[in-house]
């Protein structure tokens, strides 16, 4: 059996040698929950389709509002579901920003480490750290300046479109 391309990337070495589709490792409750959820969704769709006339299903943009007990509660549910989508989108953007923030913190630490090892001549001024945790302020300023120079020189509007 051929492994998927990501099996060695995600799984530890001990798990990467095992077959991928080993159903004995999946708990029975998980399979039962997936099966019950699938049946409930099918039941919901069939019931929903049976409660409305055909012309309403074809012409109406919001047929759920017609059969809802309260149109206000239906609209609140739609609002909450859209807000949850916005929050998920915000979380993914925040993850990207935090990744950039960690990159701008790790590069100065690397510069500080190279300067402390005296591996590259001329970087000795970046060896100094501020405070008890030796925050590489000079390295942060250097990485920030290099980033700003590349942003100003590069045509960001051309790359984005």
N, C-alpha and C. Protein backbone atom coordinates (compact mmCIF):
# COMPACT_ATOMS: atom_id res chain seq x y z
N UNK A 1 0.84 -1.18 0.00
CA UNK A 1 0.00 0.00 0.00
C UNK A 1 0.88 1.24 0.00
N UNK A 2 0.64 2.14 -0.91
CA UNK A 2 1.46 3.33 -1.03
C UNK A 2 0.97 4.39 -0.05
N UNK A 3 1.89 5.04 0.65
CA UNK A 3 1.53 6.05 1.63
C UNK A 3 1.21 7.37 0.94
N UNK A 4 0.40 8.16 1.62
CA UNK A 4 0.13 9.50 1.12
C UNK A 4 1.38 10.35 1.29
N UNK A 5 1.49 11.43 0.51
CA UNK A 5 2.72 12.23 0.51
C UNK A 5 2.97 12.92 1.84
N UNK A 6 1.93 13.20 2.62
CA UNK A 6 2.13 13.94 3.85
C UNK A 6 2.28 13.06 5.08
N UNK A 7 2.23 11.75 4.91
CA UNK A 7 2.27 10.88 6.09
C UNK A 7 3.59 11.00 6.83
N UNK A 8 4.68 11.14 6.10
CA UNK A 8 5.97 11.25 6.78
C UNK A 8 6.19 12.65 7.32
N UNK A 9 5.44 13.63 6.82
CA UNK A 9 5.60 14.99 7.30
C UNK A 9 4.84 15.21 8.61
N UNK A 10 3.64 14.64 8.70
CA UNK A 10 2.79 14.89 9.86
C UNK A 10 3.05 13.90 10.98
N UNK A 11 3.08 12.63 10.64
CA UNK A 11 3.18 11.59 11.66
C UNK A 11 4.62 11.42 12.13
N UNK A 12 4.77 11.03 13.38
CA UNK A 12 6.13 10.70 13.86
C UNK A 12 6.67 9.49 13.12
N UNK A 13 7.96 9.26 13.26
CA UNK A 13 8.61 8.16 12.53
C UNK A 13 7.97 6.81 12.86
N UNK A 14 7.58 6.60 14.11
CA UNK A 14 7.01 5.31 14.48
C UNK A 14 5.65 5.10 13.83
N UNK A 15 4.88 6.17 13.65
CA UNK A 15 3.57 6.05 13.02
C UNK A 15 3.66 6.05 11.51
N UNK A 16 4.72 6.60 10.95
CA UNK A 16 4.83 6.72 9.50
C UNK A 16 4.98 5.35 8.83
N UNK A 17 5.48 4.35 9.56
CA UNK A 17 5.67 3.02 8.98
C UNK A 17 4.39 2.19 9.01
N UNK A 18 3.38 2.65 9.76
CA UNK A 18 2.14 1.89 9.87
C UNK A 18 1.24 2.18 8.68
N UNK A 19 0.34 1.26 8.36
CA UNK A 19 -0.61 1.54 7.27
C UNK A 19 -1.51 2.71 7.62
N UNK A 20 -1.87 3.50 6.60
CA UNK A 20 -2.62 4.73 6.84
C UNK A 20 -4.08 4.46 7.21
N UNK A 21 -4.74 3.57 6.53
CA UNK A 21 -6.15 3.34 6.75
C UNK A 21 -6.37 2.15 7.67
N UNK A 22 -5.99 2.31 8.91
CA UNK A 22 -6.17 1.27 9.90
C UNK A 22 -7.41 1.62 10.71
N UNK A 23 -8.54 1.01 10.37
CA UNK A 23 -9.80 1.36 11.00
C UNK A 23 -9.88 0.89 12.45
N UNK A 24 -8.99 0.04 12.86
CA UNK A 24 -9.00 -0.40 14.25
C UNK A 24 -8.56 0.72 15.18
N UNK A 25 -7.84 1.73 14.65
CA UNK A 25 -7.39 2.85 15.48
C UNK A 25 -8.47 3.90 15.67
N UNK A 26 -9.52 3.88 14.86
CA UNK A 26 -10.60 4.86 14.99
C UNK A 26 -11.61 4.33 15.99
N UNK A 27 -11.92 5.10 17.03
CA UNK A 27 -12.89 4.62 18.03
C UNK A 27 -14.26 4.43 17.39
N UNK A 28 -14.99 3.43 17.89
CA UNK A 28 -16.33 3.14 17.37
C UNK A 28 -17.29 4.29 17.57
N UNK A 29 -17.13 5.05 18.65
CA UNK A 29 -18.00 6.19 18.91
C UNK A 29 -17.83 7.28 17.87
N UNK A 30 -16.63 7.46 17.36
CA UNK A 30 -16.39 8.47 16.33
C UNK A 30 -17.10 8.09 15.04
N UNK A 31 -17.00 6.83 14.66
CA UNK A 31 -17.67 6.38 13.44
C UNK A 31 -19.18 6.48 13.61
N UNK A 32 -19.69 6.10 14.79
CA UNK A 32 -21.13 6.19 15.05
C UNK A 32 -21.60 7.64 15.01
N UNK A 33 -20.80 8.56 15.56
CA UNK A 33 -21.18 9.98 15.56
C UNK A 33 -21.22 10.53 14.14
N UNK A 34 -20.28 10.15 13.31
CA UNK A 34 -20.29 10.59 11.92
C UNK A 34 -21.52 10.05 11.18
N UNK A 35 -21.85 8.79 11.41
CA UNK A 35 -22.99 8.17 10.76
C UNK A 35 -24.30 8.82 11.20
N UNK A 36 -24.45 9.05 12.51
CA UNK A 36 -25.67 9.68 13.02
C UNK A 36 -25.79 11.11 12.51
N UNK A 37 -24.69 11.85 12.46
CA UNK A 37 -24.71 13.22 11.95
C UNK A 37 -25.12 13.24 10.48
N UNK A 38 -24.59 12.32 9.70
CA UNK A 38 -24.97 12.23 8.29
C UNK A 38 -26.46 11.96 8.14
N UNK A 39 -26.98 11.01 8.92
CA UNK A 39 -28.41 10.69 8.85
C UNK A 39 -29.28 11.88 9.27
N UNK A 40 -28.86 12.60 10.31
CA UNK A 40 -29.64 13.75 10.75
C UNK A 40 -29.65 14.87 9.71
N UNK A 41 -28.52 15.10 9.05
CA UNK A 41 -28.49 16.10 7.98
C UNK A 41 -29.41 15.71 6.83
N UNK A 42 -29.38 14.45 6.43
CA UNK A 42 -30.26 14.00 5.35
C UNK A 42 -31.72 14.15 5.77
N UNK A 43 -32.04 13.77 7.01
CA UNK A 43 -33.40 13.91 7.52
C UNK A 43 -33.84 15.38 7.54
N UNK A 44 -32.94 16.26 7.95
CA UNK A 44 -33.25 17.69 7.98
C UNK A 44 -33.52 18.21 6.58
N UNK A 45 -32.69 17.86 5.61
CA UNK A 45 -32.89 18.36 4.24
C UNK A 45 -34.19 17.84 3.63
N UNK A 46 -34.48 16.57 3.85
CA UNK A 46 -35.72 16.01 3.30
C UNK A 46 -36.94 16.68 3.96
N UNK A 47 -36.91 16.84 5.28
CA UNK A 47 -38.01 17.49 5.98
C UNK A 47 -38.17 18.94 5.52
N UNK A 48 -37.08 19.62 5.36
CA UNK A 48 -37.11 21.01 4.91
C UNK A 48 -37.70 21.13 3.52
N UNK A 49 -37.30 20.24 2.65
CA UNK A 49 -37.81 20.27 1.27
C UNK A 49 -39.28 19.89 1.22
N UNK A 50 -39.74 19.02 2.12
CA UNK A 50 -41.14 18.58 2.10
C UNK A 50 -42.09 19.62 2.69
N UNK A 51 -41.60 20.55 3.50
CA UNK A 51 -42.50 21.51 4.14
C UNK A 51 -42.79 22.72 3.26
N UNK A 52 -42.08 22.89 2.18
CA UNK A 52 -42.27 24.05 1.33
C UNK A 52 -42.78 23.64 -0.04
N UNK A 53 -43.63 24.47 -0.62
CA UNK A 53 -44.05 24.21 -2.01
C UNK A 53 -42.87 24.39 -2.97
N UNK A 54 -42.98 23.76 -4.12
CA UNK A 54 -41.89 23.78 -5.10
C UNK A 54 -41.57 25.18 -5.59
N UNK A 55 -42.59 26.02 -5.84
CA UNK A 55 -42.32 27.37 -6.35
C UNK A 55 -41.60 28.22 -5.32
N UNK A 56 -41.87 27.99 -4.03
CA UNK A 56 -41.15 28.73 -2.98
C UNK A 56 -39.68 28.31 -2.96
N UNK A 57 -39.41 27.02 -3.10
CA UNK A 57 -38.03 26.54 -3.11
C UNK A 57 -37.25 27.12 -4.29
N UNK A 58 -37.95 27.32 -5.42
CA UNK A 58 -37.29 27.82 -6.61
C UNK A 58 -37.10 29.33 -6.55
N UNK A 59 -38.12 30.07 -6.10
CA UNK A 59 -38.10 31.54 -6.21
C UNK A 59 -37.57 32.25 -4.97
N UNK A 60 -37.73 31.68 -3.80
CA UNK A 60 -37.38 32.40 -2.58
C UNK A 60 -35.87 32.36 -2.34
N UNK A 61 -35.34 33.50 -1.90
CA UNK A 61 -33.91 33.56 -1.57
C UNK A 61 -33.64 33.10 -0.15
N UNK A 62 -34.67 33.12 0.70
CA UNK A 62 -34.52 32.68 2.08
C UNK A 62 -35.71 31.83 2.49
N UNK A 63 -35.77 30.59 2.01
CA UNK A 63 -36.93 29.76 2.35
C UNK A 63 -36.97 29.36 3.82
N UNK A 64 -35.85 29.39 4.50
CA UNK A 64 -35.85 29.04 5.92
C UNK A 64 -36.64 30.03 6.74
N UNK A 65 -36.68 31.28 6.33
CA UNK A 65 -37.41 32.30 7.07
C UNK A 65 -38.92 32.06 7.00
N UNK A 66 -39.38 31.43 5.93
CA UNK A 66 -40.81 31.19 5.75
C UNK A 66 -41.30 30.15 6.76
N UNK A 67 -40.52 29.12 7.01
CA UNK A 67 -40.99 28.06 7.91
C UNK A 67 -40.48 28.24 9.33
N UNK A 68 -39.67 29.27 9.58
CA UNK A 68 -39.15 29.48 10.93
C UNK A 68 -40.28 29.90 11.87
N UNK A 69 -40.17 29.52 13.14
CA UNK A 69 -41.19 29.91 14.12
C UNK A 69 -41.19 31.41 14.32
N UNK A 70 -40.02 32.03 14.24
CA UNK A 70 -39.90 33.48 14.38
C UNK A 70 -38.86 33.96 13.39
N UNK A 71 -39.24 34.91 12.56
CA UNK A 71 -38.28 35.41 11.57
C UNK A 71 -37.15 36.17 12.25
N UNK A 72 -37.44 36.77 13.41
CA UNK A 72 -36.39 37.49 14.14
C UNK A 72 -35.33 36.51 14.64
N UNK A 73 -35.78 35.39 15.21
CA UNK A 73 -34.82 34.39 15.69
C UNK A 73 -34.03 33.78 14.54
N UNK A 74 -34.70 33.59 13.40
CA UNK A 74 -34.01 33.07 12.22
C UNK A 74 -32.91 34.03 11.78
N UNK A 75 -33.23 35.33 11.74
CA UNK A 75 -32.23 36.32 11.33
C UNK A 75 -31.09 36.42 12.34
N UNK A 76 -31.41 36.27 13.62
CA UNK A 76 -30.35 36.27 14.64
C UNK A 76 -29.42 35.07 14.44
N UNK A 77 -30.00 33.90 14.11
CA UNK A 77 -29.18 32.72 13.83
C UNK A 77 -28.28 32.92 12.63
N UNK A 78 -28.82 33.54 11.57
CA UNK A 78 -27.99 33.84 10.39
C UNK A 78 -26.87 34.80 10.76
N UNK A 79 -27.19 35.81 11.57
CA UNK A 79 -26.19 36.79 12.00
C UNK A 79 -25.09 36.12 12.81
N UNK A 80 -25.48 35.25 13.75
CA UNK A 80 -24.47 34.59 14.58
C UNK A 80 -23.58 33.66 13.75
N UNK A 81 -24.18 32.97 12.79
CA UNK A 81 -23.35 32.09 11.96
C UNK A 81 -22.38 32.90 11.09
N UNK A 82 -22.82 34.07 10.62
CA UNK A 82 -21.90 34.90 9.83
C UNK A 82 -20.82 35.50 10.71
N UNK A 83 -21.16 35.84 11.95
CA UNK A 83 -20.14 36.37 12.87
C UNK A 83 -19.10 35.30 13.17
N UNK A 84 -19.54 34.05 13.31
CA UNK A 84 -18.56 32.99 13.58
C UNK A 84 -17.62 32.82 12.39
N UNK A 85 -18.13 33.02 11.16
CA UNK A 85 -17.26 32.99 9.99
C UNK A 85 -16.24 34.10 10.01
N UNK A 86 -16.69 35.28 10.44
CA UNK A 86 -15.78 36.43 10.56
C UNK A 86 -14.71 36.15 11.60
N UNK A 87 -15.12 35.54 12.72
CA UNK A 87 -14.14 35.24 13.77
C UNK A 87 -13.11 34.21 13.31
N UNK A 88 -13.55 33.22 12.55
CA UNK A 88 -12.61 32.23 12.01
C UNK A 88 -11.64 32.92 11.04
N UNK A 89 -12.18 33.82 10.21
CA UNK A 89 -11.32 34.56 9.29
C UNK A 89 -10.32 35.43 10.06
N UNK A 90 -10.80 36.09 11.12
CA UNK A 90 -9.91 36.91 11.94
C UNK A 90 -8.82 36.06 12.58
N UNK A 91 -9.19 34.87 13.06
CA UNK A 91 -8.20 34.00 13.69
C UNK A 91 -7.13 33.56 12.70
N UNK A 92 -7.53 33.27 11.46
CA UNK A 92 -6.53 32.85 10.48
C UNK A 92 -5.61 34.01 10.13
N UNK A 93 -6.17 35.25 10.04
CA UNK A 93 -5.31 36.41 9.78
C UNK A 93 -4.39 36.67 10.97
N UNK A 94 -4.92 36.53 12.19
CA UNK A 94 -4.09 36.74 13.37
C UNK A 94 -2.94 35.74 13.40
N UNK A 95 -3.21 34.51 12.98
CA UNK A 95 -2.16 33.51 12.92
C UNK A 95 -1.07 33.93 11.95
N UNK A 96 -1.47 34.50 10.80
CA UNK A 96 -0.49 34.98 9.84
C UNK A 96 0.33 36.13 10.40
N UNK A 97 -0.35 37.05 11.10
CA UNK A 97 0.37 38.18 11.69
C UNK A 97 1.33 37.71 12.78
N UNK A 98 0.89 36.75 13.58
CA UNK A 98 1.77 36.24 14.63
C UNK A 98 2.96 35.50 14.04
N UNK A 99 2.75 34.84 12.89
CA UNK A 99 3.87 34.21 12.21
C UNK A 99 4.89 35.23 11.76
N UNK A 100 4.41 36.35 11.23
CA UNK A 100 5.32 37.43 10.83
C UNK A 100 6.03 38.01 12.04
N UNK A 101 5.28 38.16 13.14
CA UNK A 101 5.88 38.71 14.35
C UNK A 101 6.96 37.78 14.89
N UNK A 102 6.71 36.48 14.84
CA UNK A 102 7.74 35.56 15.34
C UNK A 102 8.96 35.56 14.42
N UNK A 103 8.73 35.75 13.12
CA UNK A 103 9.87 35.81 12.19
C UNK A 103 10.71 37.06 12.45
N UNK A 104 10.05 38.16 12.78
CA UNK A 104 10.81 39.38 13.07
C UNK A 104 11.45 39.32 14.44
N UNK A 105 11.11 38.35 15.25
CA UNK A 105 11.78 38.20 16.53
C UNK A 105 12.88 37.14 16.45
N UNK A 106 12.67 36.13 15.62
CA UNK A 106 13.67 35.06 15.53
C UNK A 106 14.89 35.49 14.73
N UNK A 107 14.69 36.30 13.70
CA UNK A 107 15.84 36.75 12.90
C UNK A 107 16.80 37.60 13.74
N UNK A 108 16.32 38.55 14.57
CA UNK A 108 17.27 39.28 15.42
C UNK A 108 17.99 38.38 16.43
N UNK A 109 17.29 37.36 16.94
CA UNK A 109 17.96 36.42 17.85
C UNK A 109 19.07 35.66 17.11
N UNK A 110 18.81 35.31 15.87
CA UNK A 110 19.82 34.63 15.07
C UNK A 110 21.02 35.55 14.83
N UNK A 111 20.74 36.80 14.50
CA UNK A 111 21.82 37.78 14.28
C UNK A 111 22.63 37.94 15.57
N UNK A 112 21.93 38.00 16.72
CA UNK A 112 22.62 38.13 18.00
C UNK A 112 23.49 36.91 18.29
N UNK A 113 22.99 35.73 17.96
CA UNK A 113 23.76 34.51 18.19
C UNK A 113 24.99 34.45 17.29
N UNK A 114 24.83 34.85 16.03
CA UNK A 114 25.98 34.86 15.10
C UNK A 114 27.02 35.87 15.58
N UNK A 115 26.54 37.02 16.08
CA UNK A 115 27.46 38.04 16.57
C UNK A 115 28.19 37.55 17.83
N UNK A 116 27.47 36.83 18.70
CA UNK A 116 28.10 36.33 19.92
C UNK A 116 29.15 35.26 19.61
N UNK A 117 28.94 34.48 18.56
CA UNK A 117 29.91 33.46 18.16
C UNK A 117 31.06 34.05 17.35
N UNK A 118 30.95 35.30 16.98
CA UNK A 118 31.95 35.99 16.16
C UNK A 118 32.18 35.25 14.84
N UNK A 119 31.07 34.75 14.27
CA UNK A 119 31.16 34.01 13.01
C UNK A 119 31.33 34.95 11.82
N UNK A 120 30.75 36.14 11.89
CA UNK A 120 30.87 37.13 10.82
C UNK A 120 31.45 38.40 11.42
N UNK A 121 32.55 38.85 10.82
CA UNK A 121 33.22 40.04 11.30
C UNK A 121 32.36 41.27 11.04
N UNK A 122 32.25 42.16 12.02
CA UNK A 122 31.49 43.39 11.87
C UNK A 122 30.11 43.35 12.53
N UNK A 123 29.69 42.18 12.95
CA UNK A 123 28.38 42.07 13.60
C UNK A 123 28.47 42.14 15.12
N UNK A 124 29.63 42.50 15.66
CA UNK A 124 29.81 42.50 17.11
C UNK A 124 28.88 43.47 17.82
N UNK A 125 28.44 44.53 17.16
CA UNK A 125 27.55 45.49 17.83
C UNK A 125 26.16 44.90 18.07
N UNK A 126 25.83 43.83 17.36
CA UNK A 126 24.53 43.21 17.55
C UNK A 126 24.54 42.15 18.65
N UNK A 127 25.70 41.95 19.28
CA UNK A 127 25.82 40.96 20.34
C UNK A 127 25.13 41.42 21.62
N UNK A 128 25.02 42.70 21.82
CA UNK A 128 24.47 43.27 23.05
C UNK A 128 22.97 43.03 23.12
N UNK A 129 22.50 42.59 24.28
CA UNK A 129 21.08 42.42 24.52
C UNK A 129 20.60 43.34 25.62
N UNK A 130 19.32 43.65 25.60
CA UNK A 130 18.75 44.58 26.59
C UNK A 130 18.02 43.75 27.65
N UNK A 131 18.24 44.05 28.91
CA UNK A 131 17.51 43.41 30.00
C UNK A 131 18.05 42.05 30.36
N UNK A 132 17.32 41.40 31.29
CA UNK A 132 17.78 40.10 31.78
C UNK A 132 17.61 38.99 30.74
N UNK A 133 16.65 39.14 29.82
CA UNK A 133 16.45 38.11 28.80
C UNK A 133 17.23 38.42 27.52
N UNK A 134 18.07 39.43 27.57
CA UNK A 134 18.95 39.79 26.44
C UNK A 134 18.16 39.99 25.14
N UNK A 135 17.16 40.87 25.17
CA UNK A 135 16.35 41.16 23.99
C UNK A 135 17.24 41.86 22.96
N UNK A 136 17.31 41.33 21.74
CA UNK A 136 18.20 41.88 20.71
C UNK A 136 17.60 43.12 20.03
N UNK A 137 17.58 44.24 20.75
CA UNK A 137 16.96 45.47 20.23
C UNK A 137 17.65 45.95 18.96
N UNK A 138 18.96 45.90 18.92
CA UNK A 138 19.69 46.36 17.72
C UNK A 138 19.37 45.45 16.52
N UNK A 139 19.26 44.16 16.76
CA UNK A 139 18.90 43.24 15.69
C UNK A 139 17.47 43.47 15.21
N UNK A 140 16.55 43.77 16.14
CA UNK A 140 15.17 44.07 15.77
C UNK A 140 15.11 45.31 14.89
N UNK A 141 15.89 46.33 15.26
CA UNK A 141 15.92 47.56 14.45
C UNK A 141 16.50 47.27 13.07
N UNK A 142 17.57 46.45 12.99
CA UNK A 142 18.17 46.10 11.70
C UNK A 142 17.18 45.35 10.81
N UNK A 143 16.52 44.34 11.37
CA UNK A 143 15.54 43.56 10.58
C UNK A 143 14.38 44.45 10.16
N UNK A 144 13.92 45.33 11.05
CA UNK A 144 12.85 46.26 10.70
C UNK A 144 13.24 47.19 9.57
N UNK A 145 14.48 47.73 9.63
CA UNK A 145 14.94 48.62 8.56
C UNK A 145 15.06 47.89 7.23
N UNK A 146 15.60 46.68 7.27
CA UNK A 146 15.70 45.90 6.03
C UNK A 146 14.31 45.62 5.46
N UNK A 147 13.36 45.28 6.33
CA UNK A 147 11.99 45.02 5.87
C UNK A 147 11.37 46.25 5.25
N UNK A 148 11.54 47.40 5.90
CA UNK A 148 10.96 48.65 5.39
C UNK A 148 11.60 49.03 4.05
N UNK A 149 12.90 48.82 3.93
CA UNK A 149 13.57 49.13 2.66
C UNK A 149 13.00 48.26 1.54
N UNK A 150 12.82 46.97 1.79
CA UNK A 150 12.26 46.10 0.77
C UNK A 150 10.81 46.45 0.44
N UNK A 151 10.07 46.88 1.45
CA UNK A 151 8.67 47.29 1.19
C UNK A 151 8.64 48.55 0.34
N UNK A 152 9.52 49.51 0.64
CA UNK A 152 9.53 50.76 -0.12
C UNK A 152 10.05 50.58 -1.54
N UNK A 153 11.06 49.71 -1.69
CA UNK A 153 11.63 49.49 -3.01
C UNK A 153 10.71 48.64 -3.89
N UNK A 154 10.09 47.63 -3.27
CA UNK A 154 9.22 46.73 -4.03
C UNK A 154 7.92 47.39 -4.42
N UNK A 155 7.35 46.93 -5.51
CA UNK A 155 6.07 47.44 -6.00
C UNK A 155 4.99 46.53 -5.43
N UNK A 156 4.52 46.84 -4.21
CA UNK A 156 3.56 45.97 -3.55
C UNK A 156 2.21 45.96 -4.26
N UNK A 157 1.80 47.10 -4.78
CA UNK A 157 0.50 47.15 -5.48
C UNK A 157 0.53 46.28 -6.72
N UNK A 158 1.63 46.20 -7.38
CA UNK A 158 1.76 45.34 -8.56
C UNK A 158 1.77 43.87 -8.18
N UNK A 159 2.39 43.54 -7.04
CA UNK A 159 2.44 42.14 -6.63
C UNK A 159 1.11 41.65 -6.09
N UNK A 160 0.36 42.52 -5.41
CA UNK A 160 -0.91 42.11 -4.81
C UNK A 160 -1.93 41.79 -5.87
N UNK A 161 -2.02 42.61 -6.90
CA UNK A 161 -3.02 42.35 -7.95
C UNK A 161 -2.50 41.26 -8.83
